[in-house]
Amino acid sequence: MLRAVADVNVLVSAVISPRGVCGRLYDAAADGRWRLVASEHLVAELEMTLGYRKTRRWIPVADIEGYVAGSDA
């Protein structure tokens, strides 16, 4: 199976534009078509970035943990 590391900006872009290229990449990983590899540092940075006030219009605070857990493949 193909494995890759996605930059935090790609994962945040997937939240902002789920039908865009980054969103489709995230969906493909969630569907098991490729495996997203992430370090603890990347996951922490993603969680911090999604917790910013300016990103809350795209993802509710309550949904951040689930999204981040889905990214930690």
PDB file of N, CA and C in Angstrom:
ATOM      1  N   MET A   1       0.844  -1.175   0.000  1.00  0.00           N
ATOM      2  CA  MET A   1       0.000   0.000   0.000  1.00  0.00           C
ATOM      3  C   MET A   1       0.891   1.240   0.000  1.00  0.00           C
ATOM      4  N   LEU A   2       0.477   2.216  -0.742  1.00  0.00           N
ATOM      5  CA  LEU A   2       1.184   3.485  -0.810  1.00  0.00           C
ATOM      6  C   LEU A   2       1.073   4.194   0.529  1.00  0.00           C
ATOM      7  N   ARG A   3       2.193   4.718   1.029  1.00  0.00           N
ATOM      8  CA  ARG A   3       2.215   5.485   2.266  1.00  0.00           C
ATOM      9  C   ARG A   3       2.858   6.835   1.971  1.00  0.00           C
ATOM     10  N   ALA A   4       2.347   7.879   2.628  1.00  0.00           N
ATOM     11  CA  ALA A   4       2.892   9.220   2.412  1.00  0.00           C
ATOM     12  C   ALA A   4       2.648  10.086   3.633  1.00  0.00           C
ATOM     13  N   VAL A   5       3.475  11.097   3.772  1.00  0.00           N
ATOM     14  CA  VAL A   5       3.307  12.098   4.821  1.00  0.00           C
ATOM     15  C   VAL A   5       2.691  13.323   4.166  1.00  0.00           C
ATOM     16  N   ALA A   6       1.591  13.786   4.717  1.00  0.00           N
ATOM     17  CA  ALA A   6       0.944  14.996   4.209  1.00  0.00           C
ATOM     18  C   ALA A   6       1.334  16.168   5.099  1.00  0.00           C
ATOM     19  N   ASP A   7       1.667  17.269   4.512  1.00  0.00           N
ATOM     20  CA  ASP A   7       1.972  18.489   5.236  1.00  0.00           C
ATOM     21  C   ASP A   7       0.719  18.965   5.974  1.00  0.00           C
ATOM     22  N   VAL A   8       0.910  19.645   7.088  1.00  0.00           N
ATOM     23  CA  VAL A   8      -0.224  20.170   7.854  1.00  0.00           C
ATOM     24  C   VAL A   8      -1.081  21.078   6.979  1.00  0.00           C
ATOM     25  N   ASN A   9      -0.467  21.847   6.105  1.00  0.00           N
ATOM     26  CA  ASN A   9      -1.243  22.735   5.226  1.00  0.00           C
ATOM     27  C   ASN A   9      -2.180  21.953   4.317  1.00  0.00           C
ATOM     28  N   VAL A  10      -1.773  20.779   3.891  1.00  0.00           N
ATOM     29  CA  VAL A  10      -2.637  19.936   3.059  1.00  0.00           C
ATOM     30  C   VAL A  10      -3.837  19.474   3.868  1.00  0.00           C
ATOM     31  N   LEU A  11      -3.598  19.058   5.108  1.00  0.00           N
ATOM     32  CA  LEU A  11      -4.691  18.565   5.948  1.00  0.00           C
ATOM     33  C   LEU A  11      -5.647  19.691   6.337  1.00  0.00           C
ATOM     34  N   VAL A  12      -5.134  20.867   6.594  1.00  0.00           N
ATOM     35  CA  VAL A  12      -5.994  22.015   6.893  1.00  0.00           C
ATOM     36  C   VAL A  12      -6.782  22.407   5.647  1.00  0.00           C
ATOM     37  N   SER A  13      -6.147  22.378   4.497  1.00  0.00           N
ATOM     38  CA  SER A  13      -6.851  22.674   3.239  1.00  0.00           C
ATOM     39  C   SER A  13      -7.973  21.679   2.987  1.00  0.00           C
ATOM     40  N   ALA A  14      -7.794  20.442   3.415  1.00  0.00           N
ATOM     41  CA  ALA A  14      -8.851  19.433   3.267  1.00  0.00           C
ATOM     42  C   ALA A  14     -10.075  19.806   4.092  1.00  0.00           C
ATOM     43  N   VAL A  15      -9.869  20.430   5.243  1.00  0.00           N
ATOM     44  CA  VAL A  15     -10.987  20.901   6.070  1.00  0.00           C
ATOM     45  C   VAL A  15     -11.675  22.086   5.402  1.00  0.00           C
ATOM     46  N   ILE A  16     -10.879  23.000   4.901  1.00  0.00           N
ATOM     47  CA  ILE A  16     -11.424  24.225   4.305  1.00  0.00           C
ATOM     48  C   ILE A  16     -12.172  23.938   3.005  1.00  0.00           C
ATOM     49  N   SER A  17     -11.634  23.029   2.211  1.00  0.00           N
ATOM     50  CA  SER A  17     -12.222  22.728   0.908  1.00  0.00           C
ATOM     51  C   SER A  17     -12.299  21.208   0.706  1.00  0.00           C
ATOM     52  N   PRO A  18     -13.277  20.560   1.333  1.00  0.00           N
ATOM     53  CA  PRO A  18     -13.350  19.093   1.275  1.00  0.00           C
ATOM     54  C   PRO A  18     -13.527  18.516  -0.132  1.00  0.00           C
ATOM     55  N   ARG A  19     -14.016  19.307  -1.067  1.00  0.00           N
ATOM     56  CA  ARG A  19     -14.186  18.808  -2.434  1.00  0.00           C
ATOM     57  C   ARG A  19     -13.008  19.162  -3.327  1.00  0.00           C
ATOM     58  N   GLY A  20     -12.037  19.863  -2.767  1.00  0.00           N
ATOM     59  CA  GLY A  20     -10.836  20.227  -3.514  1.00  0.00           C
ATOM     60  C   GLY A  20      -9.851  19.063  -3.550  1.00  0.00           C
ATOM     61  N   VAL A  21      -8.711  19.305  -4.126  1.00  0.00           N
ATOM     62  CA  VAL A  21      -7.687  18.267  -4.270  1.00  0.00           C
ATOM     63  C   VAL A  21      -7.283  17.708  -2.910  1.00  0.00           C
ATOM     64  N   CYS A  22      -7.019  18.589  -1.938  1.00  0.00           N
ATOM     65  CA  CYS A  22      -6.588  18.125  -0.614  1.00  0.00           C
ATOM     66  C   CYS A  22      -7.694  17.349   0.092  1.00  0.00           C
ATOM     67  N   GLY A  23      -8.907  17.786  -0.059  1.00  0.00           N
ATOM     68  CA  GLY A  23     -10.037  17.061   0.526  1.00  0.00           C
ATOM     69  C   GLY A  23     -10.195  15.674  -0.069  1.00  0.00           C
ATOM     70  N   ARG A  24     -10.003  15.575  -1.380  1.00  0.00           N
ATOM     71  CA  ARG A  24     -10.093  14.260  -2.041  1.00  0.00           C
ATOM     72  C   ARG A  24      -8.941  13.356  -1.620  1.00  0.00           C
ATOM     73  N   LEU A  25      -7.758  13.939  -1.407  1.00  0.00           N
ATOM     74  CA  LEU A  25      -6.628  13.147  -0.907  1.00  0.00           C
ATOM     75  C   LEU A  25      -6.923  12.601   0.488  1.00  0.00           C
ATOM     76  N   TYR A  26      -7.479  13.457   1.347  1.00  0.00           N
ATOM     77  CA  TYR A  26      -7.831  13.024   2.697  1.00  0.00           C
ATOM     78  C   TYR A  26      -8.875  11.912   2.647  1.00  0.00           C
ATOM     79  N   ASP A  27      -9.889  12.077   1.815  1.00  0.00           N
ATOM     80  CA  ASP A  27     -10.921  11.041   1.667  1.00  0.00           C
ATOM     81  C   ASP A  27     -10.339   9.729   1.173  1.00  0.00           C
ATOM     82  N   ALA A  28      -9.391   9.807   0.250  1.00  0.00           N
ATOM     83  CA  ALA A  28      -8.749   8.590  -0.266  1.00  0.00           C
ATOM     84  C   ALA A  28      -7.983   7.869   0.840  1.00  0.00           C
ATOM     85  N   ALA A  29      -7.349   8.633   1.716  1.00  0.00           N
ATOM     86  CA  ALA A  29      -6.653   8.012   2.858  1.00  0.00           C
ATOM     87  C   ALA A  29      -7.668   7.390   3.817  1.00  0.00           C
ATOM     88  N   ALA A  30      -8.755   8.106   4.070  1.00  0.00           N
ATOM     89  CA  ALA A  30      -9.798   7.595   4.967  1.00  0.00           C
ATOM     90  C   ALA A  30     -10.445   6.325   4.400  1.00  0.00           C
ATOM     91  N   ASP A  31     -10.506   6.222   3.078  1.00  0.00           N
ATOM     92  CA  ASP A  31     -11.086   5.044   2.417  1.00  0.00           C
ATOM     93  C   ASP A  31     -10.097   3.890   2.303  1.00  0.00           C
ATOM     94  N   GLY A  32      -8.852   4.124   2.723  1.00  0.00           N
ATOM     95  CA  GLY A  32      -7.850   3.058   2.686  1.00  0.00           C
ATOM     96  C   GLY A  32      -7.127   2.911   1.366  1.00  0.00           C
ATOM     97  N   ARG A  33      -7.241   3.895   0.473  1.00  0.00           N
ATOM     98  CA  ARG A  33      -6.546   3.814  -0.814  1.00  0.00           C
ATOM     99  C   ARG A  33      -5.067   4.153  -0.691  1.00  0.00           C
ATOM    100  N   TRP A  34      -4.699   4.833   0.389  1.00  0.00           N
ATOM    101  CA  TRP A  34      -3.306   5.068   0.718  1.00  0.00           C
ATOM    102  C   TRP A  34      -3.242   5.315   2.213  1.00  0.00           C
ATOM    103  N   ARG A  35      -2.072   5.173   2.775  1.00  0.00           N
ATOM    104  CA  ARG A  35      -1.921   5.314   4.226  1.00  0.00           C
ATOM    105  C   ARG A  35      -1.213   6.625   4.547  1.00  0.00           C
ATOM    106  N   LEU A  36      -1.870   7.426   5.377  1.00  0.00           N
ATOM    107  CA  LEU A  36      -1.302   8.678   5.833  1.00  0.00           C
ATOM    108  C   LEU A  36      -0.381   8.390   7.007  1.00  0.00           C
ATOM    109  N   VAL A  37       0.857   8.788   6.878  1.00  0.00           N
ATOM    110  CA  VAL A  37       1.851   8.592   7.934  1.00  0.00           C
ATOM    111  C   VAL A  37       2.075   9.941   8.605  1.00  0.00           C
ATOM    112  N   ALA A  38       2.016   9.968   9.940  1.00  0.00           N
ATOM    113  CA  ALA A  38       2.165  11.234  10.658  1.00  0.00           C
ATOM    114  C   ALA A  38       2.996  11.035  11.913  1.00  0.00           C
ATOM    115  N   SER A  39       3.825  12.014  12.184  1.00  0.00           N
ATOM    116  CA  SER A  39       4.593  12.014  13.430  1.00  0.00           C
ATOM    117  C   SER A  39       3.757  12.662  14.529  1.00  0.00           C
ATOM    118  N   GLU A  40       4.181  12.473  15.771  1.00  0.00           N
ATOM    119  CA  GLU A  40       3.489  13.128  16.880  1.00  0.00           C
ATOM    120  C   GLU A  40       3.550  14.649  16.723  1.00  0.00           C
ATOM    121  N   HIS A  41       4.673  15.144  16.233  1.00  0.00           N
ATOM    122  CA  HIS A  41       4.833  16.588  16.028  1.00  0.00           C
ATOM    123  C   HIS A  41       3.828  17.099  14.988  1.00  0.00           C
ATOM    124  N   LEU A  42       3.663  16.389  13.894  1.00  0.00           N
ATOM    125  CA  LEU A  42       2.727  16.794  12.849  1.00  0.00           C
ATOM    126  C   LEU A  42       1.302  16.795  13.387  1.00  0.00           C
ATOM    127  N   VAL A  43       0.936  15.764  14.142  1.00  0.00           N
ATOM    128  CA  VAL A  43      -0.415  15.674  14.697  1.00  0.00           C
ATOM    129  C   VAL A  43      -0.659  16.824  15.682  1.00  0.00           C
ATOM    130  N   ALA A  44       0.335  17.126  16.521  1.00  0.00           N
ATOM    131  CA  ALA A  44       0.197  18.234  17.473  1.00  0.00           C
ATOM    132  C   ALA A  44       0.056  19.566  16.736  1.00  0.00           C
ATOM    133  N   GLU A  45       0.838  19.756  15.680  1.00  0.00           N
ATOM    134  CA  GLU A  45       0.748  20.995  14.898  1.00  0.00           C
ATOM    135  C   GLU A  45      -0.616  21.117  14.224  1.00  0.00           C
ATOM    136  N   LEU A  46      -1.134  20.007  13.712  1.00  0.00           N
ATOM    137  CA  LEU A  46      -2.456  20.018  13.085  1.00  0.00           C
ATOM    138  C   LEU A  46      -3.529  20.390  14.095  1.00  0.00           C
ATOM    139  N   GLU A  47      -3.468  19.785  15.266  1.00  0.00           N
ATOM    140  CA  GLU A  47      -4.460  20.073  16.304  1.00  0.00           C
ATOM    141  C   GLU A  47      -4.386  21.547  16.730  1.00  0.00           C
ATOM    142  N   MET A  48      -3.180  22.069  16.890  1.00  0.00           N
ATOM    143  CA  MET A  48      -3.002  23.463  17.260  1.00  0.00           C
ATOM    144  C   MET A  48      -3.551  24.388  16.172  1.00  0.00           C
ATOM    145  N   THR A  49      -3.232  24.102  14.927  1.00  0.00           N
ATOM    146  CA  THR A  49      -3.666  24.936  13.808  1.00  0.00           C
ATOM    147  C   THR A  49      -5.185  24.933  13.679  1.00  0.00           C
ATOM    148  N   LEU A  50      -5.790  23.770  13.815  1.00  0.00           N
ATOM    149  CA  LEU A  50      -7.251  23.700  13.714  1.00  0.00           C
ATOM    150  C   LEU A  50      -7.942  24.358  14.902  1.00  0.00           C
ATOM    151  N   GLY A  51      -7.226  24.516  16.001  1.00  0.00           N
ATOM    152  CA  GLY A  51      -7.789  25.160  17.179  1.00  0.00           C
ATOM    153  C   GLY A  51      -7.788  26.675  17.119  1.00  0.00           C
ATOM    154  N   TYR A  52      -7.118  27.251  16.123  1.00  0.00           N
ATOM    155  CA  TYR A  52      -7.107  28.708  15.985  1.00  0.00           C
ATOM    156  C   TYR A  52      -8.512  29.230  15.715  1.00  0.00           C
ATOM    157  N   ARG A  53      -8.793  30.397  16.224  1.00  0.00           N
ATOM    158  CA  ARG A  53     -10.120  31.014  16.050  1.00  0.00           C
ATOM    159  C   ARG A  53     -10.496  31.137  14.571  1.00  0.00           C
ATOM    160  N   LYS A  54      -9.519  31.486  13.735  1.00  0.00           N
ATOM    161  CA  LYS A  54      -9.827  31.715  12.317  1.00  0.00           C
ATOM    162  C   LYS A  54     -10.206  30.440  11.570  1.00  0.00           C
ATOM    163  N   THR A  55      -9.889  29.266  12.098  1.00  0.00           N
ATOM    164  CA  THR A  55     -10.280  28.020  11.424  1.00  0.00           C
ATOM    165  C   THR A  55     -11.619  27.481  11.917  1.00  0.00           C
ATOM    166  N   ARG A  56     -12.162  28.055  12.951  1.00  0.00           N
ATOM    167  CA  ARG A  56     -13.414  27.541  13.539  1.00  0.00           C
ATOM    168  C   ARG A  56     -14.610  27.669  12.605  1.00  0.00           C
ATOM    169  N   ARG A  57     -14.528  28.533  11.622  1.00  0.00           N
ATOM    170  CA  ARG A  57     -15.668  28.631  10.696  1.00  0.00           C
ATOM    171  C   ARG A  57     -15.739  27.427   9.767  1.00  0.00           C
ATOM    172  N   TRP A  58     -14.651  26.666   9.659  1.00  0.00           N
ATOM    173  CA  TRP A  58     -14.643  25.481   8.813  1.00  0.00           C
ATOM    174  C   TRP A  58     -14.790  24.183   9.592  1.00  0.00           C
ATOM    175  N   ILE A  59     -14.367  24.182  10.836  1.00  0.00           N
ATOM    176  CA  ILE A  59     -14.470  22.965  11.637  1.00  0.00           C
ATOM    177  C   ILE A  59     -14.769  23.351  13.082  1.00  0.00           C
ATOM    178  N   PRO A  60     -15.871  22.834  13.624  1.00  0.00           N
ATOM    179  CA  PRO A  60     -16.194  23.126  15.022  1.00  0.00           C
ATOM    180  C   PRO A  60     -15.148  22.518  15.957  1.00  0.00           C
ATOM    181  N   VAL A  61     -14.925  23.161  17.075  1.00  0.00           N
ATOM    182  CA  VAL A  61     -13.948  22.677  18.052  1.00  0.00           C
ATOM    183  C   VAL A  61     -14.252  21.223  18.427  1.00  0.00           C
ATOM    184  N   ALA A  62     -15.520  20.880  18.552  1.00  0.00           N
ATOM    185  CA  ALA A  62     -15.907  19.519  18.935  1.00  0.00           C
ATOM    186  C   ALA A  62     -15.485  18.475  17.895  1.00  0.00           C
ATOM    187  N   ASP A  63     -15.301  18.875  16.646  1.00  0.00           N
ATOM    188  CA  ASP A  63     -14.944  17.940  15.581  1.00  0.00           C
ATOM    189  C   ASP A  63     -13.437  17.827  15.351  1.00  0.00           C
ATOM    190  N   ILE A  64     -12.655  18.689  15.965  1.00  0.00           N
ATOM    191  CA  ILE A  64     -11.218  18.698  15.731  1.00  0.00           C
ATOM    192  C   ILE A  64     -10.572  17.381  16.152  1.00  0.00           C
ATOM    193  N   GLU A  65     -10.906  16.895  17.343  1.00  0.00           N
ATOM    194  CA  GLU A  65     -10.276  15.663  17.837  1.00  0.00           C
ATOM    195  C   GLU A  65     -10.515  14.488  16.891  1.00  0.00           C
ATOM    196  N   GLY A  66     -11.734  14.351  16.383  1.00  0.00           N
ATOM    197  CA  GLY A  66     -12.043  13.269  15.456  1.00  0.00           C
ATOM    198  C   GLY A  66     -11.285  13.394  14.146  1.00  0.00           C
ATOM    199  N   TYR A  67     -11.172  14.603  13.644  1.00  0.00           N
ATOM    200  CA  TYR A  67     -10.435  14.830  12.403  1.00  0.00           C
ATOM    201  C   TYR A  67      -8.956  14.513  12.592  1.00  0.00           C
ATOM    202  N   VAL A  68      -8.402  14.997  13.705  1.00  0.00           N
ATOM    203  CA  VAL A  68      -6.990  14.749  13.983  1.00  0.00           C
ATOM    204  C   VAL A  68      -6.737  13.257  14.186  1.00  0.00           C
ATOM    205  N   ALA A  69      -7.627  12.580  14.868  1.00  0.00           N
ATOM    206  CA  ALA A  69      -7.476  11.132  15.066  1.00  0.00           C
ATOM    207  C   ALA A  69      -7.522  10.397  13.728  1.00  0.00           C
ATOM    208  N   GLY A  70      -8.352  10.883  12.812  1.00  0.00           N
ATOM    209  CA  GLY A  70      -8.417  10.281  11.489  1.00  0.00           C
ATOM    210  C   GLY A  70      -7.158  10.536  10.683  1.00  0.00           C
ATOM    211  N   SER A  71      -6.449  11.600  11.007  1.00  0.00           N
ATOM    212  CA  SER A  71      -5.209  11.929  10.316  1.00  0.00           C
ATOM    213  C   SER A  71      -4.035  11.137  10.848  1.00  0.00           C
ATOM    214  N   ASP A  72      -4.168  10.608  12.035  1.00  0.00           N
ATOM    215  CA  ASP A  72      -3.082   9.898  12.684  1.00  0.00           C
ATOM    216  C   ASP A  72      -3.132   8.428  12.299  1.00  0.00           C
ATOM    217  N   ALA A  73      -2.917   8.159  11.028  1.00  0.00           N
ATOM    218  CA  ALA A  73      -3.018   6.787  10.519  1.00  0.00           C
ATOM    219  C   ALA A  73      -1.690   6.092  10.549  1.00  0.00           C
TER     220      ALA A  73
END
